[in-house]
Amino acid sequence: MSKVFIIGANGKVGRHVAKQLSDSTHEVRVGLRSPDQFSDFEALGLTPVLLDLEQNMASIQDALGDSDVVIFTAGSGGHTGADKTMLIDLDGAAKSIAAAEQQEAKQFIMVSALNADSPETWSDSMKPYYVAKHYADRLLRDSKLNYTILRPGGLSDDAGTGAVTTDPSDADTKSIAREDVAAVIVASIGQETASRQTITLLEGDTPIADVFA
């Protein structure tokens, strides 16, 4: 059993992660911006903790406490400007990485994005998002943390298939269900084969249970 902390638990991927972890033996805390969001997670048997990524690193460190595993699924969302993207997707991630490092977390799982290391593919409209993801990933890889960076393609609200591919050349589509991304996150917890790995995630034929086998 691990002590797991979800940053961005109220987001679309985060909610799937929280729901799936509610059926596990892990002790799960969820970082939320407002007490108004607590009840849904308390109903799942999870422990809500106030967390604002725009606050200083020390406040994030306090929220993480003695968590073994930190899952970062936070994002500013598609309806905000570049300024908010930098504050949450980059600065919020940077402070979370530093806080987890200070707290000596055993694993940091980052939800990044497909092509985060391929600037030639970034459109002008999406450039702030990819810049944030790219440099957040670099900070994590350069840290002392045991990291798992997951890079999903386009995210859909379709029901999960329970299968993925980690090889873009094998994919018929460049998308993946959020439910499947969450399942891979959960499957990666505590896995040695997930240690210090950057992994592409797309809809595919490999059962999620086999990704870290």
C-alpha atoms as a PDB file:
ATOM      1  CA  MET A   1       0.000   0.000   0.000  1.00  0.00           C
ATOM      2  CA  SER A   2       1.244   3.474  -0.913  1.00  0.00           C
ATOM      3  CA  LYS A   3       0.240   6.922   0.248  1.00  0.00           C
ATOM      4  CA  VAL A   4      -0.879   8.564  -2.983  1.00  0.00           C
ATOM      5  CA  PHE A   5      -1.541  12.259  -3.619  1.00  0.00           C
ATOM      6  CA  ILE A   6      -3.408  13.426  -6.736  1.00  0.00           C
ATOM      7  CA  ILE A   7      -2.694  16.975  -7.907  1.00  0.00           C
ATOM      8  CA  GLY A   8      -5.468  18.064 -10.247  1.00  0.00           C
ATOM      9  CA  ALA A   9      -7.960  15.543  -8.911  1.00  0.00           C
ATOM     10  CA  ASN A  10     -10.943  17.618 -10.022  1.00  0.00           C
ATOM     11  CA  GLY A  11      -9.861  17.576 -13.662  1.00  0.00           C
ATOM     12  CA  LYS A  12     -11.186  15.083 -16.191  1.00  0.00           C
ATOM     13  CA  VAL A  13      -8.251  12.670 -15.968  1.00  0.00           C
ATOM     14  CA  GLY A  14      -7.858  13.289 -12.245  1.00  0.00           C
ATOM     15  CA  ARG A  15     -11.439  12.287 -11.528  1.00  0.00           C
ATOM     16  CA  HIS A  16     -10.939   8.983 -13.325  1.00  0.00           C
ATOM     17  CA  VAL A  17      -7.747   8.374 -11.343  1.00  0.00           C
ATOM     18  CA  ALA A  18      -9.508   9.151  -8.074  1.00  0.00           C
ATOM     19  CA  LYS A  19     -12.416   6.840  -8.869  1.00  0.00           C
ATOM     20  CA  GLN A  20     -10.126   3.972  -9.869  1.00  0.00           C
ATOM     21  CA  LEU A  21      -7.924   4.411  -6.809  1.00  0.00           C
ATOM     22  CA  SER A  22     -10.962   4.434  -4.536  1.00  0.00           C
ATOM     23  CA  ASP A  23     -11.202   0.688  -5.192  1.00  0.00           C
ATOM     24  CA  SER A  24      -7.535   0.095  -4.322  1.00  0.00           C
ATOM     25  CA  THR A  25      -5.692  -0.574  -1.078  1.00  0.00           C
ATOM     26  CA  HIS A  26      -3.758   2.691  -1.388  1.00  0.00           C
ATOM     27  CA  GLU A  27      -4.282   5.566   1.021  1.00  0.00           C
ATOM     28  CA  VAL A  28      -5.361   8.395  -1.260  1.00  0.00           C
ATOM     29  CA  ARG A  29      -5.420  12.151  -0.739  1.00  0.00           C
ATOM     30  CA  VAL A  30      -6.665  14.559  -3.379  1.00  0.00           C
ATOM     31  CA  GLY A  31      -5.553  18.162  -3.836  1.00  0.00           C
ATOM     32  CA  LEU A  32      -8.483  20.509  -4.467  1.00  0.00           C
ATOM     33  CA  ARG A  33      -8.770  24.290  -4.784  1.00  0.00           C
ATOM     34  CA  SER A  34     -12.047  24.683  -2.897  1.00  0.00           C
ATOM     35  CA  PRO A  35     -13.915  22.956  -0.048  1.00  0.00           C
ATOM     36  CA  ASP A  36     -16.934  23.035  -2.380  1.00  0.00           C
ATOM     37  CA  GLN A  37     -15.235  20.214  -4.309  1.00  0.00           C
ATOM     38  CA  PHE A  38     -14.681  17.976  -1.284  1.00  0.00           C
ATOM     39  CA  SER A  39     -17.965  16.063  -1.110  1.00  0.00           C
ATOM     40  CA  ASP A  40     -17.595  14.080  -4.357  1.00  0.00           C
ATOM     41  CA  PHE A  41     -14.234  12.732  -3.238  1.00  0.00           C
ATOM     42  CA  GLU A  42     -15.272  12.109   0.347  1.00  0.00           C
ATOM     43  CA  ALA A  43     -18.104   9.993  -1.069  1.00  0.00           C
ATOM     44  CA  LEU A  44     -15.409   7.826  -2.682  1.00  0.00           C
ATOM     45  CA  GLY A  45     -13.670   7.395   0.666  1.00  0.00           C
ATOM     46  CA  LEU A  46     -10.776   9.671  -0.289  1.00  0.00           C
ATOM     47  CA  THR A  47      -9.248  12.467   1.803  1.00  0.00           C
ATOM     48  CA  PRO A  48      -9.474  15.983   0.321  1.00  0.00           C
ATOM     49  CA  VAL A  49      -6.718  18.523   0.985  1.00  0.00           C
ATOM     50  CA  LEU A  50      -6.784  22.204   0.030  1.00  0.00           C
ATOM     51  CA  LEU A  51      -4.171  22.906  -2.632  1.00  0.00           C
ATOM     52  CA  ASP A  52      -3.622  25.958  -4.824  1.00  0.00           C
ATOM     53  CA  LEU A  53      -0.827  25.606  -7.370  1.00  0.00           C
ATOM     54  CA  GLU A  54      -0.536  29.380  -7.630  1.00  0.00           C
ATOM     55  CA  GLN A  55       0.622  29.552  -4.013  1.00  0.00           C
ATOM     56  CA  ASN A  56       4.227  29.045  -2.939  1.00  0.00           C
ATOM     57  CA  MET A  57       6.142  25.784  -2.931  1.00  0.00           C
ATOM     58  CA  ALA A  58       6.019  25.502   0.869  1.00  0.00           C
ATOM     59  CA  SER A  59       2.214  25.323   0.824  1.00  0.00           C
ATOM     60  CA  ILE A  60       2.353  22.525  -1.744  1.00  0.00           C
ATOM     61  CA  GLN A  61       4.945  20.744   0.361  1.00  0.00           C
ATOM     62  CA  ASP A  62       2.645  20.972   3.385  1.00  0.00           C
ATOM     63  CA  ALA A  63      -0.237  19.536   1.360  1.00  0.00           C
ATOM     64  CA  LEU A  64       1.826  16.596   0.099  1.00  0.00           C
ATOM     65  CA  GLY A  65       2.943  15.657   3.599  1.00  0.00           C
ATOM     66  CA  ASP A  66       4.335  12.138   3.718  1.00  0.00           C
ATOM     67  CA  SER A  67       2.943  10.999   0.363  1.00  0.00           C
ATOM     68  CA  ASP A  68       4.910   8.197  -1.298  1.00  0.00           C
ATOM     69  CA  VAL A  69       3.486   8.764  -4.768  1.00  0.00           C
ATOM     70  CA  VAL A  70       2.569  12.114  -6.328  1.00  0.00           C
ATOM     71  CA  ILE A  71       0.382  12.148  -9.443  1.00  0.00           C
ATOM     72  CA  PHE A  72       0.313  15.416 -11.408  1.00  0.00           C
ATOM     73  CA  THR A  73      -2.749  15.637 -13.651  1.00  0.00           C
ATOM     74  CA  ALA A  74      -3.336  19.371 -13.246  1.00  0.00           C
ATOM     75  CA  GLY A  75      -3.785  21.723 -16.181  1.00  0.00           C
ATOM     76  CA  SER A  76      -5.207  25.168 -16.771  1.00  0.00           C
ATOM     77  CA  GLY A  77      -7.685  23.819 -19.308  1.00  0.00           C
ATOM     78  CA  GLY A  78      -8.378  24.737 -22.895  1.00  0.00           C
ATOM     79  CA  HIS A  79     -10.363  27.897 -22.151  1.00  0.00           C
ATOM     80  CA  THR A  80      -7.612  29.882 -20.434  1.00  0.00           C
ATOM     81  CA  GLY A  81      -4.879  32.079 -21.830  1.00  0.00           C
ATOM     82  CA  ALA A  82      -1.164  31.435 -22.124  1.00  0.00           C
ATOM     83  CA  ASP A  83      -0.561  33.198 -18.810  1.00  0.00           C
ATOM     84  CA  LYS A  84      -2.650  30.665 -16.899  1.00  0.00           C
ATOM     85  CA  THR A  85      -1.057  27.785 -18.789  1.00  0.00           C
ATOM     86  CA  MET A  86       2.367  28.936 -17.629  1.00  0.00           C
ATOM     87  CA  LEU A  87       1.166  29.409 -14.043  1.00  0.00           C
ATOM     88  CA  ILE A  88      -0.387  25.941 -13.737  1.00  0.00           C
ATOM     89  CA  ASP A  89       1.144  23.611 -16.328  1.00  0.00           C
ATOM     90  CA  LEU A  90       4.700  24.889 -15.879  1.00  0.00           C
ATOM     91  CA  ASP A  91       5.136  26.861 -12.644  1.00  0.00           C
ATOM     92  CA  GLY A  92       2.637  24.702 -10.745  1.00  0.00           C
ATOM     93  CA  ALA A  93       4.367  21.580 -11.991  1.00  0.00           C
ATOM     94  CA  ALA A  94       7.808  22.968 -11.120  1.00  0.00           C
ATOM     95  CA  LYS A  95       6.745  23.766  -7.561  1.00  0.00           C
ATOM     96  CA  SER A  96       5.105  20.354  -7.203  1.00  0.00           C
ATOM     97  CA  ILE A  97       8.277  18.613  -8.382  1.00  0.00           C
ATOM     98  CA  ALA A  98      10.379  20.625  -5.938  1.00  0.00           C
ATOM     99  CA  ALA A  99       7.930  19.937  -3.112  1.00  0.00           C
ATOM    100  CA  ALA A 100       7.872  16.197  -3.830  1.00  0.00           C
ATOM    101  CA  GLU A 101      11.658  16.169  -3.929  1.00  0.00           C
ATOM    102  CA  GLN A 102      11.838  17.932  -0.558  1.00  0.00           C
ATOM    103  CA  GLN A 103       9.343  15.452   0.894  1.00  0.00           C
ATOM    104  CA  GLU A 104      11.357  12.541  -0.527  1.00  0.00           C
ATOM    105  CA  ALA A 105       8.441  11.075  -2.464  1.00  0.00           C
ATOM    106  CA  LYS A 106       9.203   7.673  -3.955  1.00  0.00           C
ATOM    107  CA  GLN A 107       7.514   8.258  -7.324  1.00  0.00           C
ATOM    108  CA  PHE A 108       6.244  11.243  -9.315  1.00  0.00           C
ATOM    109  CA  ILE A 109       3.823  10.459 -12.142  1.00  0.00           C
ATOM    110  CA  MET A 110       3.410  13.280 -14.652  1.00  0.00           C
ATOM    111  CA  VAL A 111       0.685  13.528 -17.275  1.00  0.00           C
ATOM    112  CA  SER A 112       2.390  15.312 -20.160  1.00  0.00           C
ATOM    113  CA  ALA A 113       1.470  15.377 -23.847  1.00  0.00           C
ATOM    114  CA  LEU A 114       2.324  13.596 -27.081  1.00  0.00           C
ATOM    115  CA  ASN A 115       5.099  15.405 -28.989  1.00  0.00           C
ATOM    116  CA  ALA A 116       6.180  17.460 -25.982  1.00  0.00           C
ATOM    117  CA  ASP A 117       9.775  16.978 -27.186  1.00  0.00           C
ATOM    118  CA  SER A 118       9.010  17.756 -30.839  1.00  0.00           C
ATOM    119  CA  PRO A 119       8.738  21.551 -31.261  1.00  0.00           C
ATOM    120  CA  GLU A 120       8.487  21.231 -35.029  1.00  0.00           C
ATOM    121  CA  THR A 121       4.996  19.751 -34.539  1.00  0.00           C
ATOM    122  CA  TRP A 122       3.644  22.520 -32.291  1.00  0.00           C
ATOM    123  CA  SER A 123       1.029  24.830 -33.786  1.00  0.00           C
ATOM    124  CA  ASP A 124       1.162  28.520 -32.849  1.00  0.00           C
ATOM    125  CA  SER A 125      -2.100  28.296 -30.921  1.00  0.00           C
ATOM    126  CA  MET A 126      -0.886  25.348 -28.832  1.00  0.00           C
ATOM    127  CA  LYS A 127       2.710  26.492 -28.390  1.00  0.00           C
ATOM    128  CA  PRO A 128       2.320  27.824 -24.794  1.00  0.00           C
ATOM    129  CA  TYR A 129       0.808  24.486 -23.742  1.00  0.00           C
ATOM    130  CA  TYR A 130       3.602  22.441 -25.316  1.00  0.00           C
ATOM    131  CA  VAL A 131       6.311  24.767 -24.005  1.00  0.00           C
ATOM    132  CA  ALA A 132       4.911  24.294 -20.499  1.00  0.00           C
ATOM    133  CA  LYS A 133       4.767  20.516 -20.855  1.00  0.00           C
ATOM    134  CA  HIS A 134       8.236  20.320 -22.416  1.00  0.00           C
ATOM    135  CA  TYR A 135      10.000  22.254 -19.689  1.00  0.00           C
ATOM    136  CA  ALA A 136       8.015  20.675 -16.849  1.00  0.00           C
ATOM    137  CA  ASP A 137       9.116  17.276 -18.150  1.00  0.00           C
ATOM    138  CA  ARG A 138      12.724  18.441 -18.342  1.00  0.00           C
ATOM    139  CA  LEU A 139      12.611  19.656 -14.750  1.00  0.00           C
ATOM    140  CA  LEU A 140      11.227  16.315 -13.636  1.00  0.00           C
ATOM    141  CA  ARG A 141      13.820  14.307 -15.565  1.00  0.00           C
ATOM    142  CA  ASP A 142      16.581  16.458 -14.090  1.00  0.00           C
ATOM    143  CA  SER A 143      15.300  15.974 -10.531  1.00  0.00           C
ATOM    144  CA  LYS A 144      16.274  13.239  -8.102  1.00  0.00           C
ATOM    145  CA  LEU A 145      12.757  11.829  -8.215  1.00  0.00           C
ATOM    146  CA  ASN A 146      11.820   8.406  -9.502  1.00  0.00           C
ATOM    147  CA  TYR A 147       9.595   9.695 -12.296  1.00  0.00           C
ATOM    148  CA  THR A 148       7.083   8.279 -14.742  1.00  0.00           C
ATOM    149  CA  ILE A 149       6.149  10.680 -17.544  1.00  0.00           C
ATOM    150  CA  LEU A 150       3.081   9.696 -19.554  1.00  0.00           C
ATOM    151  CA  ARG A 151       2.488  11.390 -22.900  1.00  0.00           C
ATOM    152  CA  PRO A 152      -1.032  10.711 -24.153  1.00  0.00           C
ATOM    153  CA  GLY A 153      -2.327  11.770 -27.524  1.00  0.00           C
ATOM    154  CA  GLY A 154      -5.577  13.657 -27.953  1.00  0.00           C
ATOM    155  CA  LEU A 155      -7.811  12.988 -24.962  1.00  0.00           C
ATOM    156  CA  SER A 156     -11.388  11.812 -25.408  1.00  0.00           C
ATOM    157  CA  ASP A 157     -14.277  11.183 -23.051  1.00  0.00           C
ATOM    158  CA  ASP A 158     -15.025   7.835 -24.709  1.00  0.00           C
ATOM    159  CA  ALA A 159     -15.243   4.762 -22.514  1.00  0.00           C
ATOM    160  CA  GLY A 160     -11.855   3.191 -21.955  1.00  0.00           C
ATOM    161  CA  THR A 161     -10.935   0.113 -23.963  1.00  0.00           C
ATOM    162  CA  GLY A 162      -8.496  -1.277 -21.402  1.00  0.00           C
ATOM    163  CA  ALA A 163      -5.775  -1.438 -24.057  1.00  0.00           C
ATOM    164  CA  VAL A 164      -3.138   1.005 -25.320  1.00  0.00           C
ATOM    165  CA  THR A 165       0.023   1.228 -27.379  1.00  0.00           C
ATOM    166  CA  THR A 166       3.242   2.939 -26.349  1.00  0.00           C
ATOM    167  CA  ASP A 167       4.560   2.956 -29.926  1.00  0.00           C
ATOM    168  CA  PRO A 168       3.162   5.759 -32.128  1.00  0.00           C
ATOM    169  CA  SER A 169       4.024   3.795 -35.287  1.00  0.00           C
ATOM    170  CA  ASP A 170       1.576   1.087 -34.189  1.00  0.00           C
ATOM    171  CA  ALA A 171      -1.337   3.442 -33.595  1.00  0.00           C
ATOM    172  CA  ASP A 172      -4.336   3.727 -35.894  1.00  0.00           C
ATOM    173  CA  THR A 173      -5.305   6.951 -34.128  1.00  0.00           C
ATOM    174  CA  LYS A 174      -3.488   9.676 -32.220  1.00  0.00           C
ATOM    175  CA  SER A 175      -6.066   9.751 -29.437  1.00  0.00           C
ATOM    176  CA  ILE A 176      -6.820   7.906 -26.221  1.00  0.00           C
ATOM    177  CA  ALA A 177      -9.659   7.805 -23.699  1.00  0.00           C
ATOM    178  CA  ARG A 178      -9.052   9.658 -20.444  1.00  0.00           C
ATOM    179  CA  GLU A 179     -10.273   6.583 -18.613  1.00  0.00           C
ATOM    180  CA  ASP A 180      -7.434   4.554 -20.157  1.00  0.00           C
ATOM    181  CA  VAL A 181      -4.844   7.204 -19.278  1.00  0.00           C
ATOM    182  CA  ALA A 182      -6.059   7.013 -15.685  1.00  0.00           C
ATOM    183  CA  ALA A 183      -5.811   3.226 -15.728  1.00  0.00           C
ATOM    184  CA  VAL A 184      -2.191   3.422 -16.899  1.00  0.00           C
ATOM    185  CA  ILE A 185      -1.427   5.920 -14.130  1.00  0.00           C
ATOM    186  CA  VAL A 186      -2.859   3.548 -11.544  1.00  0.00           C
ATOM    187  CA  ALA A 187      -1.037   0.575 -13.085  1.00  0.00           C
ATOM    188  CA  SER A 188       2.302   2.418 -12.931  1.00  0.00           C
ATOM    189  CA  ILE A 189       2.222   3.011  -9.174  1.00  0.00           C
ATOM    190  CA  GLY A 190       5.160   1.280  -7.530  1.00  0.00           C
ATOM    191  CA  GLN A 191       6.291  -0.473 -10.706  1.00  0.00           C
ATOM    192  CA  GLU A 192      10.063  -0.716 -11.193  1.00  0.00           C
ATOM    193  CA  THR A 193       9.566  -0.923 -14.954  1.00  0.00           C
ATOM    194  CA  ALA A 194       7.924   2.519 -14.819  1.00  0.00           C
ATOM    195  CA  SER A 195      10.958   4.043 -13.103  1.00  0.00           C
ATOM    196  CA  ARG A 196      12.497   7.047 -14.886  1.00  0.00           C
ATOM    197  CA  GLN A 197      10.516   6.319 -18.040  1.00  0.00           C
ATOM    198  CA  THR A 198       8.864   8.635 -20.563  1.00  0.00           C
ATOM    199  CA  ILE A 199       6.025   6.744 -22.219  1.00  0.00           C
ATOM    200  CA  THR A 200       3.796   7.568 -25.182  1.00  0.00           C
ATOM    201  CA  LEU A 201       0.154   6.555 -24.743  1.00  0.00           C
ATOM    202  CA  LEU A 202      -2.306   6.015 -27.567  1.00  0.00           C
ATOM    203  CA  GLU A 203      -5.284   3.779 -28.185  1.00  0.00           C
ATOM    204  CA  GLY A 204      -3.971   0.330 -29.043  1.00  0.00           C
ATOM    205  CA  ASP A 205      -4.058  -3.413 -28.471  1.00  0.00           C
ATOM    206  CA  THR A 206      -1.771  -3.956 -25.468  1.00  0.00           C
ATOM    207  CA  PRO A 207      -3.750  -4.698 -22.294  1.00  0.00           C
ATOM    208  CA  ILE A 208      -3.005  -2.020 -19.715  1.00  0.00           C
ATOM    209  CA  ALA A 209      -2.138  -4.749 -17.217  1.00  0.00           C
ATOM    210  CA  ASP A 210       0.785  -5.692 -19.504  1.00  0.00           C
ATOM    211  CA  VAL A 211       2.255  -2.208 -20.019  1.00  0.00           C
ATOM    212  CA  PHE A 212       4.553  -2.486 -16.998  1.00  0.00           C
ATOM    213  CA  ALA A 213       4.834  -6.285 -16.918  1.00  0.00           C
END
